[in-house]
Amino acid sequence: MTRTEILYEQVMLRLDMTKETGEEELQEVIRSVLEEAGKEEFLPLSEKIRLGRQLFNSFRRLDILQDLIEDESVTEIMVNGTENIFYERDGRLFKTDRHFLSEDRLCDVIQQIVGGANRYVNESSPIVDARLADGSRVNVVLKPVAVNGPVMTIRKFPSDAITMEQLVNMKSLTQEAADFIRGLVYSKYNIFVSGGTGAGKTTFLNAMSDYIPKDERIITIEDNAELRIQGVENLVSLEARGANLEGEGAVTIRDLIKSALRMRPDRIIVGEVRGDETVDMISSAMLNGHSGSMSTGHANNPEDMLHRLETMMMMGIDLPLPAIQRQLASALDIIIHLGRLRDKSRRVLRIEEILGYSEGRINTKTLFEFREEGMENEKIKGFLVKVGELENREKLVAAGYQKV
């Protein structure tokens, strides 16, 4: 057994499990155990502080994950059973030398997280999505689905929402493109953000939302509330809910979109569409007078995103493909495609305008595209270049926006 495991057991023996232990009482027990351990073997003050913090986290917080949660440079945490715990920093994966004392302890931490988000997970329902109090996204898979033990993935977000100005400074896009997007958002173009896993879609959607006029009524709809829209007083945030243990009480994204339409929204923002809720987002929200709506979706390029939207709409409505394509072409104005390049940087790769439907396809026009110019210090050099002019300028004119 490691020193931490021995000390953990000693703390457990001294705690009265028949009653709830307060934080001060727990800290006193830990201090007492460390004092006795120091008499048997010299422990430097720094080591006592480290062990004390680790033991306290084991009983009151997220155990060995707490330090990683509090480290703002860590963007993702991957727990593959009790032994194999990885984290991502600066786009690269590292393995921590820490491990959970037992599978039961890992399961306790999982239940603590899931319960705090009003969700549940067990062997009969072994997969769940949840979030931490700071908005970090959590996915859990338990046995028997996870063969090697409980698996948990935590996607962290910056403590302060990243702004478009910061994205420009990080070279995710150019100032010219940011100014162009500002005009589109202000003028209520319907915008879809596409990209692969980890491309930064939620971060970008959040940054774009800062361009929305602050006097509008905005309704956000998400599986797990992650968007942090700043400065808007008339803001309603809705979060989907899974069914209870009896299979009842589920509130889906589709339910929330239908409800949002009755709330007199100026804009509806859906964190991500994955299925038949796309019908309500496109047909009910974007085509029924709620211009300026925004959402995200997984895709490898803008064309792939359109094909996926077609497929998802066919899951929820019985219409021929040409009719669905016409609806998409009428509803969507702009697709902004993000990518994660081989140097782990996140960039806007294309901005595509939707130009309507003809001859069995949705027509598009590339307005901006990323052009690579080689490598420098192991980083990709390149810029988002303007390659076309916006054709549909009616919303810009109606909004009195003349800068694009």
Protein backbone atom coordinates (compact mmCIF):
# COMPACT_ATOMS: atom_id res chain seq x y z
CA MET A 1 0.00 0.00 0.00
CA THR A 2 1.13 3.54 -0.70
CA ARG A 3 1.56 6.12 2.05
CA THR A 4 -1.65 7.87 0.96
CA GLU A 5 -3.62 4.62 1.10
CA ILE A 6 -2.35 3.89 4.63
CA LEU A 7 -3.21 7.39 5.82
CA TYR A 8 -6.63 7.18 4.16
CA GLU A 9 -7.43 4.00 6.08
CA GLN A 10 -6.29 5.60 9.34
CA VAL A 11 -8.58 8.58 8.76
CA MET A 12 -11.44 6.21 7.95
CA LEU A 13 -10.90 4.34 11.25
CA ARG A 14 -11.18 7.57 13.24
CA LEU A 15 -14.29 8.94 11.55
CA ASP A 16 -17.67 8.21 13.07
CA MET A 17 -19.55 6.83 10.09
CA THR A 18 -22.85 6.89 12.01
CA LYS A 19 -23.03 10.67 11.75
CA GLU A 20 -22.16 13.36 9.26
CA THR A 21 -18.66 14.75 9.67
CA GLY A 22 -18.19 18.49 9.25
CA GLU A 23 -15.27 19.93 7.28
CA GLU A 24 -13.54 21.28 10.38
CA GLU A 25 -13.85 17.94 12.15
CA LEU A 26 -12.49 16.12 9.11
CA GLN A 27 -9.56 18.52 8.86
CA GLU A 28 -8.77 17.97 12.55
CA VAL A 29 -8.77 14.17 12.08
CA ILE A 30 -6.48 14.49 9.07
CA ARG A 31 -4.13 16.82 10.99
CA SER A 32 -4.00 14.35 13.88
CA VAL A 33 -3.22 11.40 11.59
CA LEU A 34 -0.46 13.37 9.83
CA GLU A 35 1.05 14.43 13.17
CA GLU A 36 1.28 10.80 14.27
CA ALA A 37 2.70 9.75 10.91
CA GLY A 38 5.32 12.48 11.28
CA LYS A 39 6.50 11.01 14.57
CA GLU A 40 7.17 7.64 12.92
CA GLU A 41 8.79 9.09 9.80
CA PHE A 42 9.96 12.62 9.15
CA LEU A 43 7.57 14.48 6.86
CA PRO A 44 8.57 17.92 5.54
CA LEU A 45 5.93 20.63 5.94
CA SER A 46 5.36 20.77 2.17
CA GLU A 47 4.67 17.01 2.14
CA LYS A 48 2.24 17.31 5.06
CA ILE A 49 0.38 20.06 3.23
CA ARG A 50 0.24 17.98 0.04
CA LEU A 51 -0.96 14.86 1.86
CA GLY A 52 -3.48 16.85 3.89
CA ARG A 53 -4.97 18.37 0.75
CA GLN A 54 -5.05 15.01 -1.01
CA LEU A 55 -6.79 13.32 1.94
CA PHE A 56 -9.33 16.14 2.27
CA ASN A 57 -10.10 15.95 -1.46
CA SER A 58 -10.58 12.18 -1.08
CA PHE A 59 -13.38 12.69 1.43
CA ARG A 60 -14.97 15.98 0.41
CA ARG A 61 -14.29 16.78 -3.22
CA LEU A 62 -13.31 14.91 -6.37
CA ASP A 63 -10.41 12.97 -4.87
CA ILE A 64 -7.31 12.82 -7.08
CA LEU A 65 -9.13 14.70 -9.86
CA GLN A 66 -9.54 17.88 -7.81
CA ASP A 67 -6.08 19.27 -8.61
CA LEU A 68 -6.62 18.64 -12.32
CA ILE A 69 -10.04 20.32 -12.14
CA GLU A 70 -8.49 23.40 -10.51
CA ASP A 71 -5.58 23.55 -12.98
CA GLU A 72 -6.75 26.04 -15.63
CA SER A 73 -4.13 24.81 -18.11
CA VAL A 74 -5.81 21.36 -18.21
CA THR A 75 -8.54 21.22 -20.85
CA GLU A 76 -9.67 17.59 -20.63
CA ILE A 77 -9.48 14.77 -18.09
CA MET A 78 -9.87 11.11 -19.09
CA VAL A 79 -10.40 8.44 -16.43
CA ASN A 80 -10.05 4.89 -17.77
CA GLY A 81 -10.75 2.85 -14.64
CA THR A 82 -8.91 3.37 -11.37
CA GLU A 83 -5.33 3.21 -12.70
CA ASN A 84 -5.15 4.93 -16.08
CA ILE A 85 -5.90 8.64 -15.75
CA PHE A 86 -4.89 11.04 -18.51
CA TYR A 87 -5.22 14.78 -19.02
CA GLU A 88 -4.81 17.18 -21.93
CA ARG A 89 -2.70 20.32 -21.73
CA ASP A 90 -1.82 22.52 -24.73
CA GLY A 91 -3.38 19.95 -27.02
CA ARG A 92 -1.17 17.07 -25.80
CA LEU A 93 -2.03 14.09 -23.63
CA PHE A 94 -0.20 13.18 -20.42
CA LYS A 95 -0.68 10.34 -17.94
CA THR A 96 -0.83 11.17 -14.25
CA ASP A 97 0.93 8.92 -11.74
CA ARG A 98 -2.05 9.04 -9.39
CA HIS A 99 -4.79 6.46 -9.13
CA PHE A 100 -7.99 5.89 -7.21
CA LEU A 101 -7.66 3.76 -4.08
CA SER A 102 -10.46 1.47 -5.26
CA GLU A 103 -13.17 1.13 -7.86
CA ASP A 104 -15.72 1.90 -5.13
CA ARG A 105 -14.02 5.24 -4.50
CA LEU A 106 -14.09 6.09 -8.21
CA CYS A 107 -17.78 5.18 -8.33
CA ASP A 108 -18.41 7.42 -5.30
CA VAL A 109 -16.83 10.36 -7.15
CA ILE A 110 -18.91 9.58 -10.25
CA GLN A 111 -22.13 9.46 -8.23
CA GLN A 112 -21.19 12.72 -6.52
CA ILE A 113 -20.78 14.44 -9.90
CA VAL A 114 -23.86 12.89 -11.49
CA GLY A 115 -26.07 13.50 -8.46
CA GLY A 116 -24.97 17.13 -8.31
CA ALA A 117 -26.26 17.57 -11.87
CA ASN A 118 -29.62 15.93 -11.09
CA ARG A 119 -28.78 12.87 -13.17
CA TYR A 120 -28.34 9.20 -12.33
CA VAL A 121 -26.22 6.33 -13.62
CA ASN A 122 -26.09 2.64 -12.71
CA GLU A 123 -25.62 -0.77 -14.31
CA SER A 124 -29.09 -0.75 -15.84
CA SER A 125 -28.54 2.76 -17.24
CA PRO A 126 -24.74 2.86 -17.60
CA ILE A 127 -24.26 5.98 -19.76
CA VAL A 128 -24.91 9.56 -18.70
CA ASP A 129 -23.94 13.12 -19.59
CA ALA A 130 -23.67 15.64 -16.77
CA ARG A 131 -21.77 18.77 -15.83
CA LEU A 132 -19.80 20.19 -12.94
CA ALA A 133 -20.76 23.36 -11.10
CA ASP A 134 -18.25 25.33 -13.20
CA GLY A 135 -19.92 24.16 -16.42
CA SER A 136 -17.38 21.45 -17.33
CA ARG A 137 -18.95 18.72 -19.47
CA VAL A 138 -18.88 15.19 -18.04
CA ASN A 139 -19.55 11.86 -19.76
CA VAL A 140 -19.70 8.62 -17.75
CA VAL A 141 -19.83 5.00 -18.91
CA LEU A 142 -20.07 2.22 -16.30
CA LYS A 143 -19.81 -1.55 -16.36
CA PRO A 144 -20.89 -3.75 -18.07
CA VAL A 145 -20.64 -1.39 -21.08
CA ALA A 146 -17.19 -0.18 -19.98
CA VAL A 147 -15.33 -3.50 -19.87
CA ASN A 148 -12.22 -2.25 -18.04
CA GLY A 149 -14.03 -0.38 -15.30
CA PRO A 150 -15.79 2.99 -14.95
CA VAL A 151 -14.84 5.50 -17.64
CA MET A 152 -15.28 9.24 -17.16
CA THR A 153 -14.34 12.09 -19.48
CA ILE A 154 -14.41 15.70 -18.30
CA ARG A 155 -14.23 18.48 -20.89
CA LYS A 156 -13.25 21.68 -19.10
CA PHE A 157 -13.98 25.23 -20.18
CA PRO A 158 -12.09 28.40 -19.27
CA SER A 159 -13.23 30.06 -16.04
CA ASP A 160 -13.90 33.21 -18.07
CA ALA A 161 -15.65 32.88 -21.41
CA ILE A 162 -13.26 33.39 -24.33
CA THR A 163 -14.07 36.44 -26.41
CA MET A 164 -13.80 36.89 -30.15
CA GLU A 165 -10.95 39.34 -29.53
CA GLN A 166 -9.04 36.59 -27.73
CA LEU A 167 -9.72 34.17 -30.59
CA VAL A 168 -8.28 36.74 -33.00
CA ASN A 169 -5.18 37.10 -30.80
CA MET A 170 -4.87 33.29 -30.76
CA LYS A 171 -5.00 33.40 -34.59
CA SER A 172 -8.13 31.26 -34.71
CA LEU A 173 -9.45 33.80 -37.22
CA THR A 174 -8.55 37.23 -38.57
CA GLN A 175 -9.90 40.57 -37.40
CA GLU A 176 -11.49 41.00 -40.82
CA ALA A 177 -13.42 37.73 -40.40
CA ALA A 178 -14.41 38.65 -36.83
CA ASP A 179 -15.80 42.00 -38.02
CA PHE A 180 -17.67 40.20 -40.79
CA ILE A 181 -19.21 37.77 -38.27
CA ARG A 182 -20.15 40.69 -36.00
CA GLY A 183 -22.23 42.14 -38.82
CA LEU A 184 -23.91 38.81 -39.54
CA VAL A 185 -24.85 38.24 -35.90
CA TYR A 186 -26.07 41.81 -35.37
CA SER A 187 -28.18 41.61 -38.55
CA LYS A 188 -29.80 38.32 -37.49
CA TYR A 189 -28.40 35.92 -40.05
CA ASN A 190 -29.10 32.29 -39.14
CA ILE A 191 -25.69 30.77 -38.45
CA PHE A 192 -24.57 27.19 -38.01
CA VAL A 193 -21.15 26.31 -36.55
CA SER A 194 -19.73 22.97 -37.69
CA GLY A 195 -16.60 21.04 -36.81
CA GLY A 196 -15.18 17.84 -35.41
CA THR A 197 -14.88 16.79 -31.79
CA GLY A 198 -12.76 19.25 -29.83
CA ALA A 199 -12.73 21.85 -32.62
CA GLY A 200 -14.05 24.53 -30.25
CA LYS A 201 -17.65 24.82 -31.49
CA THR A 202 -19.19 25.68 -28.10
CA THR A 203 -16.42 28.18 -27.34
CA PHE A 204 -16.91 29.86 -30.72
CA LEU A 205 -20.70 29.95 -30.38
CA ASN A 206 -20.28 31.56 -26.98
CA ALA A 207 -17.88 34.16 -28.39
CA MET A 208 -20.26 34.93 -31.29
CA SER A 209 -23.14 35.45 -28.90
CA ASP A 210 -21.35 38.47 -27.45
CA TYR A 211 -22.22 40.29 -30.69
CA ILE A 212 -25.96 39.96 -30.02
CA PRO A 213 -27.54 43.29 -29.02
CA LYS A 214 -27.98 43.30 -25.23
CA ASP A 215 -31.62 44.43 -25.34
CA GLU A 216 -32.85 41.26 -27.06
CA ARG A 217 -34.59 38.28 -25.45
CA ILE A 218 -32.44 35.18 -25.91
CA ILE A 219 -33.33 31.58 -25.14
CA THR A 220 -30.54 29.00 -24.99
CA ILE A 221 -31.28 25.27 -25.19
CA GLU A 222 -28.69 22.61 -24.37
CA ASP A 223 -28.29 19.01 -23.29
CA ASN A 224 -25.96 20.27 -20.58
CA ALA A 225 -25.85 23.99 -19.87
CA GLU A 226 -22.42 25.17 -21.07
CA LEU A 227 -23.04 28.48 -22.82
CA ARG A 228 -22.17 31.56 -20.76
CA ILE A 229 -23.75 34.53 -22.46
CA GLN A 230 -22.67 37.77 -20.81
CA GLY A 231 -24.44 41.09 -20.37
CA VAL A 232 -27.93 40.03 -21.52
CA GLU A 233 -30.59 40.61 -18.87
CA ASN A 234 -33.47 39.00 -20.77
CA LEU A 235 -31.85 35.58 -20.97
CA VAL A 236 -33.55 32.20 -20.46
CA SER A 237 -31.35 29.08 -20.22
CA LEU A 238 -33.07 25.72 -20.70
CA GLU A 239 -31.48 22.32 -20.11
CA ALA A 240 -32.74 18.93 -21.30
CA ARG A 241 -33.43 16.15 -18.80
CA GLY A 242 -33.29 12.39 -19.16
CA ALA A 243 -35.98 9.97 -18.03
CA ASN A 244 -36.13 8.85 -14.40
CA LEU A 245 -35.64 5.28 -13.18
CA GLU A 246 -39.20 4.45 -14.27
CA GLY A 247 -38.48 5.73 -17.79
CA GLU A 248 -40.65 8.81 -17.32
CA GLY A 249 -40.19 12.55 -17.08
CA ALA A 250 -37.74 13.06 -19.94
CA VAL A 251 -37.55 16.57 -21.38
CA THR A 252 -35.86 16.54 -24.77
CA ILE A 253 -34.20 19.26 -26.84
CA ARG A 254 -37.19 19.01 -29.15
CA ASP A 255 -39.59 19.63 -26.24
CA LEU A 256 -37.58 22.66 -25.20
CA ILE A 257 -37.49 24.18 -28.70
CA LYS A 258 -41.29 23.86 -28.96
CA SER A 259 -41.67 25.49 -25.55
CA ALA A 260 -39.18 28.24 -26.39
CA LEU A 261 -41.27 29.25 -29.41
CA ARG A 262 -44.05 30.24 -26.97
CA MET A 263 -41.72 32.41 -24.88
CA ARG A 264 -41.50 35.34 -27.32
CA PRO A 265 -37.81 34.89 -28.15
CA ASP A 266 -35.85 37.28 -30.32
CA ARG A 267 -33.31 34.52 -30.87
CA ILE A 268 -33.04 30.83 -30.08
CA ILE A 269 -29.60 29.32 -29.57
CA VAL A 270 -29.35 25.52 -29.49
CA GLY A 271 -26.01 24.26 -28.17
CA GLU A 272 -25.93 21.30 -30.55
CA VAL A 273 -28.37 19.39 -32.73
CA ARG A 274 -27.93 15.64 -33.06
CA GLY A 275 -31.25 14.19 -34.16
CA ASP A 276 -34.90 14.88 -34.96
CA GLU A 277 -34.85 18.17 -33.00
CA THR A 278 -33.25 19.59 -36.16
CA VAL A 279 -36.75 19.73 -37.67
CA ASP A 280 -37.95 22.13 -34.98
CA MET A 281 -34.77 24.20 -35.11
CA ILE A 282 -34.97 24.63 -38.89
CA SER A 283 -38.69 24.54 -39.66
CA SER A 284 -40.17 26.06 -36.51
CA ALA A 285 -37.47 28.45 -35.29
CA MET A 286 -35.41 29.67 -38.25
CA LEU A 287 -38.26 29.65 -40.81
CA ASN A 288 -40.92 31.11 -38.52
CA GLY A 289 -39.63 34.59 -37.89
CA HIS A 290 -36.87 33.87 -35.36
CA SER A 291 -33.96 35.13 -37.44
CA GLY A 292 -30.59 35.23 -35.75
CA SER A 293 -30.88 31.70 -34.42
CA MET A 294 -27.65 29.77 -34.00
CA SER A 295 -26.56 26.20 -33.35
CA THR A 296 -23.67 23.75 -33.79
CA GLY A 297 -23.15 20.26 -35.17
CA HIS A 298 -20.47 17.66 -35.82
CA ALA A 299 -19.13 17.50 -39.38
CA ASN A 300 -15.89 17.30 -41.35
CA ASN A 301 -16.71 20.22 -43.67
CA PRO A 302 -19.66 22.51 -44.51
CA GLU A 303 -20.94 20.18 -47.25
CA ASP A 304 -20.91 17.26 -44.82
CA MET A 305 -22.80 19.42 -42.30
CA LEU A 306 -25.56 20.08 -44.83
CA HIS A 307 -25.84 16.35 -45.60
CA ARG A 308 -26.02 15.55 -41.89
CA LEU A 309 -28.73 18.17 -41.37
CA GLU A 310 -30.70 16.61 -44.22
CA THR A 311 -30.40 13.18 -42.61
CA MET A 312 -31.35 14.46 -39.15
CA MET A 313 -34.41 16.25 -40.52
CA MET A 314 -35.52 13.06 -42.29
CA MET A 315 -35.46 11.37 -38.86
CA GLY A 316 -38.14 13.74 -37.61
CA ILE A 317 -40.36 14.57 -40.56
CA ASP A 318 -41.88 12.60 -43.42
CA LEU A 319 -40.94 14.75 -46.39
CA PRO A 320 -39.07 13.96 -49.63
CA LEU A 321 -35.42 15.00 -49.71
CA PRO A 322 -35.93 17.92 -52.15
CA ALA A 323 -38.50 19.47 -49.80
CA ILE A 324 -36.09 19.13 -46.86
CA GLN A 325 -33.25 20.64 -48.90
CA ARG A 326 -35.46 23.62 -49.84
CA GLN A 327 -36.27 24.20 -46.16
CA LEU A 328 -32.60 24.07 -45.20
CA ALA A 329 -31.64 26.42 -48.02
CA SER A 330 -34.33 28.90 -46.96
CA ALA A 331 -33.55 28.70 -43.24
CA LEU A 332 -29.74 28.71 -43.12
CA ASP A 333 -27.70 31.73 -44.14
CA ILE A 334 -24.14 30.93 -43.04
CA ILE A 335 -22.05 27.91 -42.01
CA ILE A 336 -18.83 28.59 -40.09
CA HIS A 337 -16.58 25.53 -40.11
CA LEU A 338 -13.92 25.01 -37.44
CA GLY A 339 -11.08 22.51 -37.37
CA ARG A 340 -8.32 21.26 -35.13
CA LEU A 341 -5.10 21.17 -37.09
CA ARG A 342 -2.19 18.76 -36.72
CA ASP A 343 -0.33 21.21 -34.43
CA LYS A 344 -3.41 21.02 -32.11
CA SER A 345 -4.43 24.62 -32.86
CA ARG A 346 -8.11 25.40 -33.42
CA ARG A 347 -8.89 27.52 -36.46
CA VAL A 348 -11.83 28.78 -38.48
CA LEU A 349 -11.28 26.93 -41.75
CA ARG A 350 -14.19 28.16 -43.88
CA ILE A 351 -17.11 30.55 -43.83
CA GLU A 352 -19.74 29.44 -46.32
CA GLU A 353 -22.83 31.29 -47.54
CA ILE A 354 -26.01 29.34 -48.39
CA LEU A 355 -27.41 30.55 -51.73
CA GLY A 356 -30.62 28.57 -52.11
CA TYR A 357 -31.71 25.35 -53.76
CA SER A 358 -31.59 24.37 -57.43
CA GLU A 359 -31.15 21.26 -59.56
CA GLY A 360 -31.34 18.85 -56.64
CA ARG A 361 -28.74 20.47 -54.40
CA ILE A 362 -28.18 23.25 -51.90
CA ASN A 363 -25.92 25.88 -53.44
CA THR A 364 -23.12 27.42 -51.40
CA LYS A 365 -20.41 30.01 -51.84
CA THR A 366 -17.12 30.19 -49.95
CA LEU A 367 -16.57 33.64 -48.40
CA PHE A 368 -13.47 32.92 -46.28
CA GLU A 369 -11.09 29.96 -46.30
CA PHE A 370 -7.96 29.05 -44.35
CA ARG A 371 -4.77 28.88 -46.41
CA GLU A 372 -1.74 27.19 -44.94
CA GLU A 373 1.70 28.69 -45.57
CA GLY A 374 3.98 26.12 -43.95
CA MET A 375 5.37 25.50 -40.45
CA GLU A 376 7.28 27.72 -38.04
CA ASN A 377 8.48 26.55 -34.60
CA GLU A 378 6.25 23.46 -34.96
CA LYS A 379 3.21 25.70 -35.46
CA ILE A 380 1.20 25.95 -38.66
CA LYS A 381 1.45 29.30 -40.40
CA GLY A 382 -1.62 30.41 -42.28
CA PHE A 383 -4.46 32.90 -42.51
CA LEU A 384 -8.18 33.00 -43.05
CA VAL A 385 -8.42 34.70 -46.44
CA LYS A 386 -11.48 36.45 -47.87
CA VAL A 387 -12.25 34.83 -51.23
CA GLY A 388 -15.80 35.96 -51.97
CA GLU A 389 -18.36 38.70 -51.30
CA LEU A 390 -21.60 38.13 -49.41
CA GLU A 391 -24.49 37.98 -51.89
CA ASN A 392 -27.51 37.94 -49.58
CA ARG A 393 -27.30 41.43 -48.04
CA GLU A 394 -31.00 41.95 -47.32
CA LYS A 395 -30.71 41.38 -43.57
CA LEU A 396 -27.70 43.72 -43.38
CA VAL A 397 -29.69 46.45 -45.12
CA ALA A 398 -32.77 45.84 -42.94
CA ALA A 399 -30.61 46.12 -39.80
CA GLY A 400 -28.94 49.29 -41.06
CA TYR A 401 -25.53 47.62 -40.84
CA GLN A 402 -23.25 48.96 -43.57
CA LYS A 403 -19.78 47.79 -42.49
CA VAL A 404 -19.74 44.32 -44.12
